[in-house]
Amino acid sequence: YPEKLKDKSPERAPDRRPTEPETAPETGDQMPSERKKEIDKGKGK
């Protein structure tokens, strides 16, 4: 079935996909612009 089947190995099933790395915890060295970005998101719970 050469016209039907294509190797999709890189496109793995949802629970086989690598997860995104966790966001590093906020430190004192965080840039002001990064802090502002976090504040901008704060539009309510």
ModelCIF file with pLDDT and N, C-alpha, C, O atoms, coordinates in Angstrom:
data_MODEL
#
_entry.id   MODEL 
#
_entity.id                         1 
_entity.type                       polymer 
_entity.pdbx_number_of_molecules   1 
#
_entity_poly.entity_id                      1 
_entity_poly.type                           'polypeptide(L)' 
_entity_poly.nstd_linkage                   no 
_entity_poly.nstd_monomer                   no 
_entity_poly.pdbx_seq_one_letter_code       YPEKLKDKSPERAPDRRPTEPETAPETGDQMPSERKKEIDKGKGK 
_entity_poly.pdbx_seq_one_letter_code_can   YPEKLKDKSPERAPDRRPTEPETAPETGDQMPSERKKEIDKGKGK 
_entity_poly.pdbx_strand_id                 A 
#
loop_
_entity_poly_seq.entity_id 
_entity_poly_seq.num 
_entity_poly_seq.mon_id 
_entity_poly_seq.hetero 
1 1  TYR n 
1 2  PRO n 
1 3  GLU n 
1 4  LYS n 
1 5  LEU n 
1 6  LYS n 
1 7  ASP n 
1 8  LYS n 
1 9  SER n 
1 10 PRO n 
1 11 GLU n 
1 12 ARG n 
1 13 ALA n 
1 14 PRO n 
1 15 ASP n 
1 16 ARG n 
1 17 ARG n 
1 18 PRO n 
1 19 THR n 
1 20 GLU n 
1 21 PRO n 
1 22 GLU n 
1 23 THR n 
1 24 ALA n 
1 25 PRO n 
1 26 GLU n 
1 27 THR n 
1 28 GLY n 
1 29 ASP n 
1 30 GLN n 
1 31 MET n 
1 32 PRO n 
1 33 SER n 
1 34 GLU n 
1 35 ARG n 
1 36 LYS n 
1 37 LYS n 
1 38 GLU n 
1 39 ILE n 
1 40 ASP n 
1 41 LYS n 
1 42 GLY n 
1 43 LYS n 
1 44 GLY n 
1 45 LYS n 
#
_struct_asym.id          A 
_struct_asym.entity_id   1 
#
loop_
_ma_qa_metric.id 
_ma_qa_metric.mode 
_ma_qa_metric.name 
_ma_qa_metric.software_group_id 
_ma_qa_metric.type 
1 global pLDDT . pLDDT 
2 local  pLDDT . pLDDT 
#
_ma_qa_metric_global.metric_id      1 
_ma_qa_metric_global.metric_value   55.76 
_ma_qa_metric_global.model_id       1 
_ma_qa_metric_global.ordinal_id     1 
#
loop_
_ma_qa_metric_local.label_asym_id 
_ma_qa_metric_local.label_comp_id 
_ma_qa_metric_local.label_seq_id 
_ma_qa_metric_local.metric_id 
_ma_qa_metric_local.metric_value 
_ma_qa_metric_local.model_id 
_ma_qa_metric_local.ordinal_id 
A TYR 1  2 96.00 1 1  
A PRO 2  2 94.00 1 2  
A GLU 3  2 93.00 1 3  
A LYS 4  2 94.00 1 4  
A LEU 5  2 96.00 1 5  
A LYS 6  2 93.00 1 6  
A ASP 7  2 90.00 1 7  
A LYS 8  2 77.00 1 8  
A SER 9  2 70.00 1 9  
A PRO 10 2 69.00 1 10 
A GLU 11 2 72.00 1 11 
A ARG 12 2 75.00 1 12 
A ALA 13 2 77.00 1 13 
A PRO 14 2 72.00 1 14 
A ASP 15 2 71.00 1 15 
A ARG 16 2 71.00 1 16 
A ARG 17 2 59.00 1 17 
A PRO 18 2 54.00 1 18 
A THR 19 2 45.00 1 19 
A GLU 20 2 43.00 1 20 
A PRO 21 2 41.00 1 21 
A GLU 22 2 39.00 1 22 
A THR 23 2 41.00 1 23 
A ALA 24 2 40.00 1 24 
A PRO 25 2 41.00 1 25 
A GLU 26 2 41.00 1 26 
A THR 27 2 40.00 1 27 
A GLY 28 2 42.00 1 28 
A ASP 29 2 43.00 1 29 
A GLN 30 2 44.00 1 30 
A MET 31 2 40.00 1 31 
A PRO 32 2 41.00 1 32 
A SER 33 2 41.00 1 33 
A GLU 34 2 42.00 1 34 
A ARG 35 2 39.00 1 35 
A LYS 36 2 39.00 1 36 
A LYS 37 2 38.00 1 37 
A GLU 38 2 39.00 1 38 
A ILE 39 2 34.00 1 39 
A ASP 40 2 40.00 1 40 
A LYS 41 2 39.00 1 41 
A GLY 42 2 40.00 1 42 
A LYS 43 2 39.00 1 43 
A GLY 44 2 38.00 1 44 
A LYS 45 2 37.00 1 45 
#
loop_
_atom_site.group_PDB 
_atom_site.id 
_atom_site.type_symbol 
_atom_site.label_atom_id 
_atom_site.label_alt_id 
_atom_site.label_comp_id 
_atom_site.label_asym_id 
_atom_site.label_entity_id 
_atom_site.label_seq_id 
_atom_site.pdbx_PDB_ins_code 
_atom_site.Cartn_x 
_atom_site.Cartn_y 
_atom_site.Cartn_z 
_atom_site.occupancy 
_atom_site.B_iso_or_equiv 
_atom_site.pdbx_formal_charge 
_atom_site.auth_seq_id 
_atom_site.auth_comp_id 
_atom_site.auth_asym_id 
_atom_site.auth_atom_id 
_atom_site.pdbx_PDB_model_num 
ATOM 1   N N  . TYR A 1 1  ? 0.851  -1.199 0.000  1.00 96.00 ? 1  TYR A N  1 
ATOM 2   C CA . TYR A 1 1  ? 0.000  0.000  0.000  1.00 96.00 ? 1  TYR A CA 1 
ATOM 3   C C  . TYR A 1 1  ? 0.889  1.254  0.000  1.00 96.00 ? 1  TYR A C  1 
ATOM 4   O O  . TYR A 1 1  ? 0.802  2.067  0.920  1.00 96.00 ? 1  TYR A O  1 
ATOM 5   N N  . PRO A 1 2  ? 1.733  1.415  -1.009 1.00 94.00 ? 2  PRO A N  1 
ATOM 6   C CA . PRO A 1 2  ? 2.709  2.519  -0.993 1.00 94.00 ? 2  PRO A CA 1 
ATOM 7   C C  . PRO A 1 2  ? 2.089  3.902  -0.983 1.00 94.00 ? 2  PRO A C  1 
ATOM 8   O O  . PRO A 1 2  ? 2.688  4.849  -0.473 1.00 94.00 ? 2  PRO A O  1 
ATOM 9   N N  . GLU A 1 3  ? 0.887  4.029  -1.544 1.00 93.00 ? 3  GLU A N  1 
ATOM 10  C CA . GLU A 1 3  ? 0.237  5.341  -1.587 1.00 93.00 ? 3  GLU A CA 1 
ATOM 11  C C  . GLU A 1 3  ? -0.590 5.617  -0.337 1.00 93.00 ? 3  GLU A C  1 
ATOM 12  O O  . GLU A 1 3  ? -1.042 6.742  -0.123 1.00 93.00 ? 3  GLU A O  1 
ATOM 13  N N  . LYS A 1 4  ? -0.785 4.611  0.472  1.00 94.00 ? 4  LYS A N  1 
ATOM 14  C CA . LYS A 1 4  ? -1.652 4.750  1.654  1.00 94.00 ? 4  LYS A CA 1 
ATOM 15  C C  . LYS A 1 4  ? -0.863 4.946  2.946  1.00 94.00 ? 4  LYS A C  1 
ATOM 16  O O  . LYS A 1 4  ? -1.258 5.727  3.812  1.00 94.00 ? 4  LYS A O  1 
ATOM 17  N N  . LEU A 1 5  ? 0.255  4.231  3.068  1.00 96.00 ? 5  LEU A N  1 
ATOM 18  C CA . LEU A 1 5  ? 0.965  4.180  4.349  1.00 96.00 ? 5  LEU A CA 1 
ATOM 19  C C  . LEU A 1 5  ? 2.213  5.036  4.334  1.00 96.00 ? 5  LEU A C  1 
ATOM 20  O O  . LEU A 1 5  ? 3.029  4.940  3.418  1.00 96.00 ? 5  LEU A O  1 
ATOM 21  N N  . LYS A 1 6  ? 2.363  5.873  5.347  1.00 93.00 ? 6  LYS A N  1 
ATOM 22  C CA . LYS A 1 6  ? 3.522  6.733  5.500  1.00 93.00 ? 6  LYS A CA 1 
ATOM 23  C C  . LYS A 1 6  ? 4.009  6.644  6.946  1.00 93.00 ? 6  LYS A C  1 
ATOM 24  O O  . LYS A 1 6  ? 3.219  6.683  7.889  1.00 93.00 ? 6  LYS A O  1 
ATOM 25  N N  . ASP A 1 7  ? 5.311  6.525  7.094  1.00 90.00 ? 7  ASP A N  1 
ATOM 26  C CA . ASP A 1 7  ? 5.894  6.420  8.434  1.00 90.00 ? 7  ASP A CA 1 
ATOM 27  C C  . ASP A 1 7  ? 5.706  7.741  9.170  1.00 90.00 ? 7  ASP A C  1 
ATOM 28  O O  . ASP A 1 7  ? 6.236  8.773  8.757  1.00 90.00 ? 7  ASP A O  1 
ATOM 29  N N  . LYS A 1 8  ? 4.940  7.699  10.275 1.00 77.00 ? 8  LYS A N  1 
ATOM 30  C CA . LYS A 1 8  ? 4.681  8.895  11.079 1.00 77.00 ? 8  LYS A CA 1 
ATOM 31  C C  . LYS A 1 8  ? 5.332  8.759  12.454 1.00 77.00 ? 8  LYS A C  1 
ATOM 32  O O  . LYS A 1 8  ? 4.829  9.291  13.443 1.00 77.00 ? 8  LYS A O  1 
ATOM 33  N N  . SER A 1 9  ? 6.463  8.037  12.507 1.00 70.00 ? 9  SER A N  1 
ATOM 34  C CA . SER A 1 9  ? 7.102  7.769  13.792 1.00 70.00 ? 9  SER A CA 1 
ATOM 35  C C  . SER A 1 9  ? 7.358  9.012  14.639 1.00 70.00 ? 9  SER A C  1 
ATOM 36  O O  . SER A 1 9  ? 7.160  8.969  15.853 1.00 70.00 ? 9  SER A O  1 
ATOM 37  N N  . PRO A 1 10 ? 7.796  10.130 14.028 1.00 69.00 ? 10 PRO A N  1 
ATOM 38  C CA . PRO A 1 10 ? 8.002  11.320 14.873 1.00 69.00 ? 10 PRO A CA 1 
ATOM 39  C C  . PRO A 1 10 ? 6.709  11.837 15.503 1.00 69.00 ? 10 PRO A C  1 
ATOM 40  O O  . PRO A 1 10 ? 6.748  12.511 16.533 1.00 69.00 ? 10 PRO A O  1 
ATOM 41  N N  . GLU A 1 11 ? 5.563  11.526 14.888 1.00 72.00 ? 11 GLU A N  1 
ATOM 42  C CA . GLU A 1 11 ? 4.278  12.007 15.407 1.00 72.00 ? 11 GLU A CA 1 
ATOM 43  C C  . GLU A 1 11 ? 3.696  10.927 16.315 1.00 72.00 ? 11 GLU A C  1 
ATOM 44  O O  . GLU A 1 11 ? 2.867  10.123 15.889 1.00 72.00 ? 11 GLU A O  1 
ATOM 45  N N  . ARG A 1 12 ? 4.133  10.918 17.548 1.00 75.00 ? 12 ARG A N  1 
ATOM 46  C CA . ARG A 1 12 ? 3.777  9.849  18.463 1.00 75.00 ? 12 ARG A CA 1 
ATOM 47  C C  . ARG A 1 12 ? 2.424  10.106 19.107 1.00 75.00 ? 12 ARG A C  1 
ATOM 48  O O  . ARG A 1 12 ? 1.906  11.222 19.090 1.00 75.00 ? 12 ARG A O  1 
ATOM 49  N N  . ALA A 1 13 ? 1.867  9.040  19.677 1.00 77.00 ? 13 ALA A N  1 
ATOM 50  C CA . ALA A 1 13 ? 0.587  9.135  20.379 1.00 77.00 ? 13 ALA A CA 1 
ATOM 51  C C  . ALA A 1 13 ? 0.688  10.158 21.503 1.00 77.00 ? 13 ALA A C  1 
ATOM 52  O O  . ALA A 1 13 ? 1.775  10.388 22.032 1.00 77.00 ? 13 ALA A O  1 
ATOM 53  N N  . PRO A 1 14 ? -0.451 10.785 21.879 1.00 72.00 ? 14 PRO A N  1 
ATOM 54  C CA . PRO A 1 14 ? -0.418 11.886 22.857 1.00 72.00 ? 14 PRO A CA 1 
ATOM 55  C C  . PRO A 1 14 ? 0.341  11.563 24.136 1.00 72.00 ? 14 PRO A C  1 
ATOM 56  O O  . PRO A 1 14 ? 1.098  12.406 24.618 1.00 72.00 ? 14 PRO A O  1 
ATOM 57  N N  . ASP A 1 15 ? 0.166  10.365 24.707 1.00 71.00 ? 15 ASP A N  1 
ATOM 58  C CA . ASP A 1 15 ? 0.835  10.102 25.981 1.00 71.00 ? 15 ASP A CA 1 
ATOM 59  C C  . ASP A 1 15 ? 2.242  9.546  25.790 1.00 71.00 ? 15 ASP A C  1 
ATOM 60  O O  . ASP A 1 15 ? 2.871  9.116  26.756 1.00 71.00 ? 15 ASP A O  1 
ATOM 61  N N  . ARG A 1 16 ? 2.749  9.551  24.539 1.00 71.00 ? 16 ARG A N  1 
ATOM 62  C CA . ARG A 1 16 ? 4.148  9.202  24.312 1.00 71.00 ? 16 ARG A CA 1 
ATOM 63  C C  . ARG A 1 16 ? 4.968  10.452 24.048 1.00 71.00 ? 16 ARG A C  1 
ATOM 64  O O  . ARG A 1 16 ? 6.198  10.396 24.021 1.00 71.00 ? 16 ARG A O  1 
ATOM 65  N N  . ARG A 1 17 ? 4.301  11.571 23.855 1.00 59.00 ? 17 ARG A N  1 
ATOM 66  C CA . ARG A 1 17 ? 5.018  12.794 23.508 1.00 59.00 ? 17 ARG A CA 1 
ATOM 67  C C  . ARG A 1 17 ? 5.751  13.338 24.730 1.00 59.00 ? 17 ARG A C  1 
ATOM 68  O O  . ARG A 1 17 ? 5.233  13.267 25.845 1.00 59.00 ? 17 ARG A O  1 
ATOM 69  N N  . PRO A 1 18 ? 6.947  13.880 24.532 1.00 54.00 ? 18 PRO A N  1 
ATOM 70  C CA . PRO A 1 18 ? 7.666  14.453 25.676 1.00 54.00 ? 18 PRO A CA 1 
ATOM 71  C C  . PRO A 1 18 ? 6.904  15.642 26.238 1.00 54.00 ? 18 PRO A C  1 
ATOM 72  O O  . PRO A 1 18 ? 6.330  16.435 25.492 1.00 54.00 ? 18 PRO A O  1 
ATOM 73  N N  . THR A 1 19 ? 6.903  15.756 27.536 1.00 45.00 ? 19 THR A N  1 
ATOM 74  C CA . THR A 1 19 ? 6.210  16.878 28.181 1.00 45.00 ? 19 THR A CA 1 
ATOM 75  C C  . THR A 1 19 ? 7.094  18.108 28.159 1.00 45.00 ? 19 THR A C  1 
ATOM 76  O O  . THR A 1 19 ? 8.318  18.009 28.082 1.00 45.00 ? 19 THR A O  1 
ATOM 77  N N  . GLU A 1 20 ? 6.460  19.264 28.228 1.00 43.00 ? 20 GLU A N  1 
ATOM 78  C CA . GLU A 1 20 ? 7.217  20.519 28.269 1.00 43.00 ? 20 GLU A CA 1 
ATOM 79  C C  . GLU A 1 20 ? 7.961  20.619 29.599 1.00 43.00 ? 20 GLU A C  1 
ATOM 80  O O  . GLU A 1 20 ? 7.416  20.228 30.631 1.00 43.00 ? 20 GLU A O  1 
ATOM 81  N N  . PRO A 1 21 ? 9.189  21.132 29.603 1.00 41.00 ? 21 PRO A N  1 
ATOM 82  C CA . PRO A 1 21 ? 9.911  21.291 30.861 1.00 41.00 ? 21 PRO A CA 1 
ATOM 83  C C  . PRO A 1 21 ? 9.182  22.251 31.781 1.00 41.00 ? 21 PRO A C  1 
ATOM 84  O O  . PRO A 1 21 ? 8.581  23.230 31.340 1.00 41.00 ? 21 PRO A O  1 
ATOM 85  N N  . GLU A 1 22 ? 9.246  21.952 33.056 1.00 39.00 ? 22 GLU A N  1 
ATOM 86  C CA . GLU A 1 22 ? 8.571  22.805 34.020 1.00 39.00 ? 22 GLU A CA 1 
ATOM 87  C C  . GLU A 1 22 ? 9.241  24.180 34.056 1.00 39.00 ? 22 GLU A C  1 
ATOM 88  O O  . GLU A 1 22 ? 10.456 24.286 33.885 1.00 39.00 ? 22 GLU A O  1 
ATOM 89  N N  . THR A 1 23 ? 8.457  25.217 34.276 1.00 41.00 ? 23 THR A N  1 
ATOM 90  C CA . THR A 1 23 ? 8.979  26.576 34.368 1.00 41.00 ? 23 THR A CA 1 
ATOM 91  C C  . THR A 1 23 ? 9.846  26.701 35.611 1.00 41.00 ? 23 THR A C  1 
ATOM 92  O O  . THR A 1 23 ? 9.452  26.282 36.699 1.00 41.00 ? 23 THR A O  1 
ATOM 93  N N  . ALA A 1 24 ? 11.002 27.265 35.445 1.00 40.00 ? 24 ALA A N  1 
ATOM 94  C CA . ALA A 1 24 ? 11.896 27.431 36.589 1.00 40.00 ? 24 ALA A CA 1 
ATOM 95  C C  . ALA A 1 24 ? 11.270 28.359 37.613 1.00 40.00 ? 24 ALA A C  1 
ATOM 96  O O  . ALA A 1 24 ? 10.567 29.297 37.238 1.00 40.00 ? 24 ALA A O  1 
ATOM 97  N N  . PRO A 1 25 ? 11.509 28.119 38.911 1.00 41.00 ? 25 PRO A N  1 
ATOM 98  C CA . PRO A 1 25 ? 10.933 28.983 39.944 1.00 41.00 ? 25 PRO A CA 1 
ATOM 99  C C  . PRO A 1 25 ? 11.511 30.394 39.853 1.00 41.00 ? 25 PRO A C  1 
ATOM 100 O O  . PRO A 1 25 ? 12.649 30.602 39.432 1.00 41.00 ? 25 PRO A O  1 
ATOM 101 N N  . GLU A 1 26 ? 10.703 31.329 40.254 1.00 41.00 ? 26 GLU A N  1 
ATOM 102 C CA . GLU A 1 26 ? 11.122 32.729 40.206 1.00 41.00 ? 26 GLU A CA 1 
ATOM 103 C C  . GLU A 1 26 ? 12.256 32.966 41.179 1.00 41.00 ? 26 GLU A C  1 
ATOM 104 O O  . GLU A 1 26 ? 12.214 32.517 42.324 1.00 41.00 ? 26 GLU A O  1 
ATOM 105 N N  . THR A 1 27 ? 13.281 33.682 40.709 1.00 40.00 ? 27 THR A N  1 
ATOM 106 C CA . THR A 1 27 ? 14.414 33.991 41.577 1.00 40.00 ? 27 THR A CA 1 
ATOM 107 C C  . THR A 1 27 ? 14.607 35.497 41.630 1.00 40.00 ? 27 THR A C  1 
ATOM 108 O O  . THR A 1 27 ? 13.944 36.253 40.919 1.00 40.00 ? 27 THR A O  1 
ATOM 109 N N  . GLY A 1 28 ? 15.523 35.915 42.483 1.00 42.00 ? 28 GLY A N  1 
ATOM 110 C CA . GLY A 1 28 ? 15.793 37.344 42.623 1.00 42.00 ? 28 GLY A CA 1 
ATOM 111 C C  . GLY A 1 28 ? 16.448 37.929 41.391 1.00 42.00 ? 28 GLY A C  1 
ATOM 112 O O  . GLY A 1 28 ? 16.463 39.145 41.200 1.00 42.00 ? 28 GLY A O  1 
ATOM 113 N N  . ASP A 1 29 ? 17.002 37.036 40.533 1.00 43.00 ? 29 ASP A N  1 
ATOM 114 C CA . ASP A 1 29 ? 17.689 37.509 39.334 1.00 43.00 ? 29 ASP A CA 1 
ATOM 115 C C  . ASP A 1 29 ? 16.736 37.704 38.167 1.00 43.00 ? 29 ASP A C  1 
ATOM 116 O O  . ASP A 1 29 ? 17.168 38.024 37.060 1.00 43.00 ? 29 ASP A O  1 
ATOM 117 N N  . GLN A 1 30 ? 15.461 37.517 38.400 1.00 44.00 ? 30 GLN A N  1 
ATOM 118 C CA . GLN A 1 30 ? 14.499 37.626 37.304 1.00 44.00 ? 30 GLN A CA 1 
ATOM 119 C C  . GLN A 1 30 ? 14.462 39.062 36.784 1.00 44.00 ? 30 GLN A C  1 
ATOM 120 O O  . GLN A 1 30 ? 14.442 40.019 37.559 1.00 44.00 ? 30 GLN A O  1 
ATOM 121 N N  . MET A 1 31 ? 14.453 39.192 35.441 1.00 40.00 ? 31 MET A N  1 
ATOM 122 C CA . MET A 1 31 ? 14.459 40.517 34.820 1.00 40.00 ? 31 MET A CA 1 
ATOM 123 C C  . MET A 1 31 ? 13.132 41.220 35.071 1.00 40.00 ? 31 MET A C  1 
ATOM 124 O O  . MET A 1 31 ? 12.096 40.562 35.173 1.00 40.00 ? 31 MET A O  1 
ATOM 125 N N  . PRO A 1 32 ? 13.148 42.555 35.173 1.00 41.00 ? 32 PRO A N  1 
ATOM 126 C CA . PRO A 1 32 ? 11.918 43.319 35.386 1.00 41.00 ? 32 PRO A CA 1 
ATOM 127 C C  . PRO A 1 32 ? 10.869 43.046 34.323 1.00 41.00 ? 32 PRO A C  1 
ATOM 128 O O  . PRO A 1 32 ? 9.681  42.958 34.634 1.00 41.00 ? 32 PRO A O  1 
ATOM 129 N N  . SER A 1 33 ? 11.298 42.909 33.051 1.00 41.00 ? 33 SER A N  1 
ATOM 130 C CA . SER A 1 33 ? 10.321 42.676 31.995 1.00 41.00 ? 33 SER A CA 1 
ATOM 131 C C  . SER A 1 33 ? 9.591  41.358 32.210 1.00 41.00 ? 33 SER A C  1 
ATOM 132 O O  . SER A 1 33 ? 8.399  41.244 31.926 1.00 41.00 ? 33 SER A O  1 
ATOM 133 N N  . GLU A 1 34 ? 10.339 40.331 32.731 1.00 42.00 ? 34 GLU A N  1 
ATOM 134 C CA . GLU A 1 34 ? 9.721  39.033 32.990 1.00 42.00 ? 34 GLU A CA 1 
ATOM 135 C C  . GLU A 1 34 ? 8.717  39.141 34.121 1.00 42.00 ? 34 GLU A C  1 
ATOM 136 O O  . GLU A 1 34 ? 7.651  38.526 34.082 1.00 42.00 ? 34 GLU A O  1 
ATOM 137 N N  . ARG A 1 35 ? 9.074  39.946 35.151 1.00 39.00 ? 35 ARG A N  1 
ATOM 138 C CA . ARG A 1 35 ? 8.142  40.143 36.259 1.00 39.00 ? 35 ARG A CA 1 
ATOM 139 C C  . ARG A 1 35 ? 6.892  40.854 35.774 1.00 39.00 ? 35 ARG A C  1 
ATOM 140 O O  . ARG A 1 35 ? 5.777  40.520 36.176 1.00 39.00 ? 35 ARG A O  1 
ATOM 141 N N  . LYS A 1 36 ? 7.092  41.859 34.885 1.00 39.00 ? 36 LYS A N  1 
ATOM 142 C CA . LYS A 1 36 ? 5.946  42.608 34.377 1.00 39.00 ? 36 LYS A CA 1 
ATOM 143 C C  . LYS A 1 36 ? 5.016  41.684 33.601 1.00 39.00 ? 36 LYS A C  1 
ATOM 144 O O  . LYS A 1 36 ? 3.795  41.824 33.668 1.00 39.00 ? 36 LYS A O  1 
ATOM 145 N N  . LYS A 1 37 ? 5.611  40.716 32.844 1.00 38.00 ? 37 LYS A N  1 
ATOM 146 C CA . LYS A 1 37 ? 4.799  39.797 32.049 1.00 38.00 ? 37 LYS A CA 1 
ATOM 147 C C  . LYS A 1 37 ? 3.902  38.977 32.970 1.00 38.00 ? 37 LYS A C  1 
ATOM 148 O O  . LYS A 1 37 ? 2.740  38.728 32.648 1.00 38.00 ? 37 LYS A O  1 
ATOM 149 N N  . GLU A 1 38 ? 4.441  38.554 34.120 1.00 39.00 ? 38 GLU A N  1 
ATOM 150 C CA . GLU A 1 38 ? 3.639  37.793 35.064 1.00 39.00 ? 38 GLU A CA 1 
ATOM 151 C C  . GLU A 1 38 ? 2.513  38.659 35.631 1.00 39.00 ? 38 GLU A C  1 
ATOM 152 O O  . GLU A 1 38 ? 1.401  38.174 35.837 1.00 39.00 ? 38 GLU A O  1 
ATOM 153 N N  . ILE A 1 39 ? 2.803  39.956 35.888 1.00 34.00 ? 39 ILE A N  1 
ATOM 154 C CA . ILE A 1 39 ? 1.796  40.860 36.437 1.00 34.00 ? 39 ILE A CA 1 
ATOM 155 C C  . ILE A 1 39 ? 0.696  41.110 35.414 1.00 34.00 ? 39 ILE A C  1 
ATOM 156 O O  . ILE A 1 39 ? -0.481 41.193 35.765 1.00 34.00 ? 39 ILE A O  1 
ATOM 157 N N  . ASP A 1 40 ? 1.095  41.232 34.119 1.00 40.00 ? 40 ASP A N  1 
ATOM 158 C CA . ASP A 1 40 ? 0.121  41.479 33.057 1.00 40.00 ? 40 ASP A CA 1 
ATOM 159 C C  . ASP A 1 40 ? -0.912 40.369 32.965 1.00 40.00 ? 40 ASP A C  1 
ATOM 160 O O  . ASP A 1 40 ? -2.051 40.611 32.563 1.00 40.00 ? 40 ASP A O  1 
ATOM 161 N N  . LYS A 1 41 ? -0.520 39.141 33.339 1.00 39.00 ? 41 LYS A N  1 
ATOM 162 C CA . LYS A 1 41 ? -1.461 38.026 33.271 1.00 39.00 ? 41 LYS A CA 1 
ATOM 163 C C  . LYS A 1 41 ? -2.475 38.063 34.396 1.00 39.00 ? 41 LYS A C  1 
ATOM 164 O O  . LYS A 1 41 ? -3.501 37.387 34.340 1.00 39.00 ? 41 LYS A O  1 
ATOM 165 N N  . GLY A 1 42 ? -2.190 38.845 35.406 1.00 40.00 ? 42 GLY A N  1 
ATOM 166 C CA . GLY A 1 42 ? -3.025 38.806 36.593 1.00 40.00 ? 42 GLY A CA 1 
ATOM 167 C C  . GLY A 1 42 ? -4.324 39.548 36.429 1.00 40.00 ? 42 GLY A C  1 
ATOM 168 O O  . GLY A 1 42 ? -4.513 40.607 37.028 1.00 40.00 ? 42 GLY A O  1 
ATOM 169 N N  . LYS A 1 43 ? -5.239 39.005 35.618 1.00 39.00 ? 43 LYS A N  1 
ATOM 170 C CA . LYS A 1 43 ? -6.520 39.643 35.391 1.00 39.00 ? 43 LYS A CA 1 
ATOM 171 C C  . LYS A 1 43 ? -7.627 38.991 36.193 1.00 39.00 ? 43 LYS A C  1 
ATOM 172 O O  . LYS A 1 43 ? -8.807 39.068 35.850 1.00 39.00 ? 43 LYS A O  1 
ATOM 173 N N  . GLY A 1 44 ? -7.212 38.351 37.265 1.00 38.00 ? 44 GLY A N  1 
ATOM 174 C CA . GLY A 1 44 ? -8.224 37.707 38.103 1.00 38.00 ? 44 GLY A CA 1 
ATOM 175 C C  . GLY A 1 44 ? -8.105 36.200 38.039 1.00 38.00 ? 44 GLY A C  1 
ATOM 176 O O  . GLY A 1 44 ? -7.685 35.642 37.026 1.00 38.00 ? 44 GLY A O  1 
ATOM 177 N N  . LYS A 1 45 ? -8.475 35.545 39.119 1.00 37.00 ? 45 LYS A N  1 
ATOM 178 C CA . LYS A 1 45 ? -8.323 34.100 39.240 1.00 37.00 ? 45 LYS A CA 1 
ATOM 179 C C  . LYS A 1 45 ? -9.077 33.360 38.148 1.00 37.00 ? 45 LYS A C  1 
ATOM 180 O O  . LYS A 1 45 ? -9.052 32.130 38.106 1.00 37.00 ? 45 LYS A O  1 
#
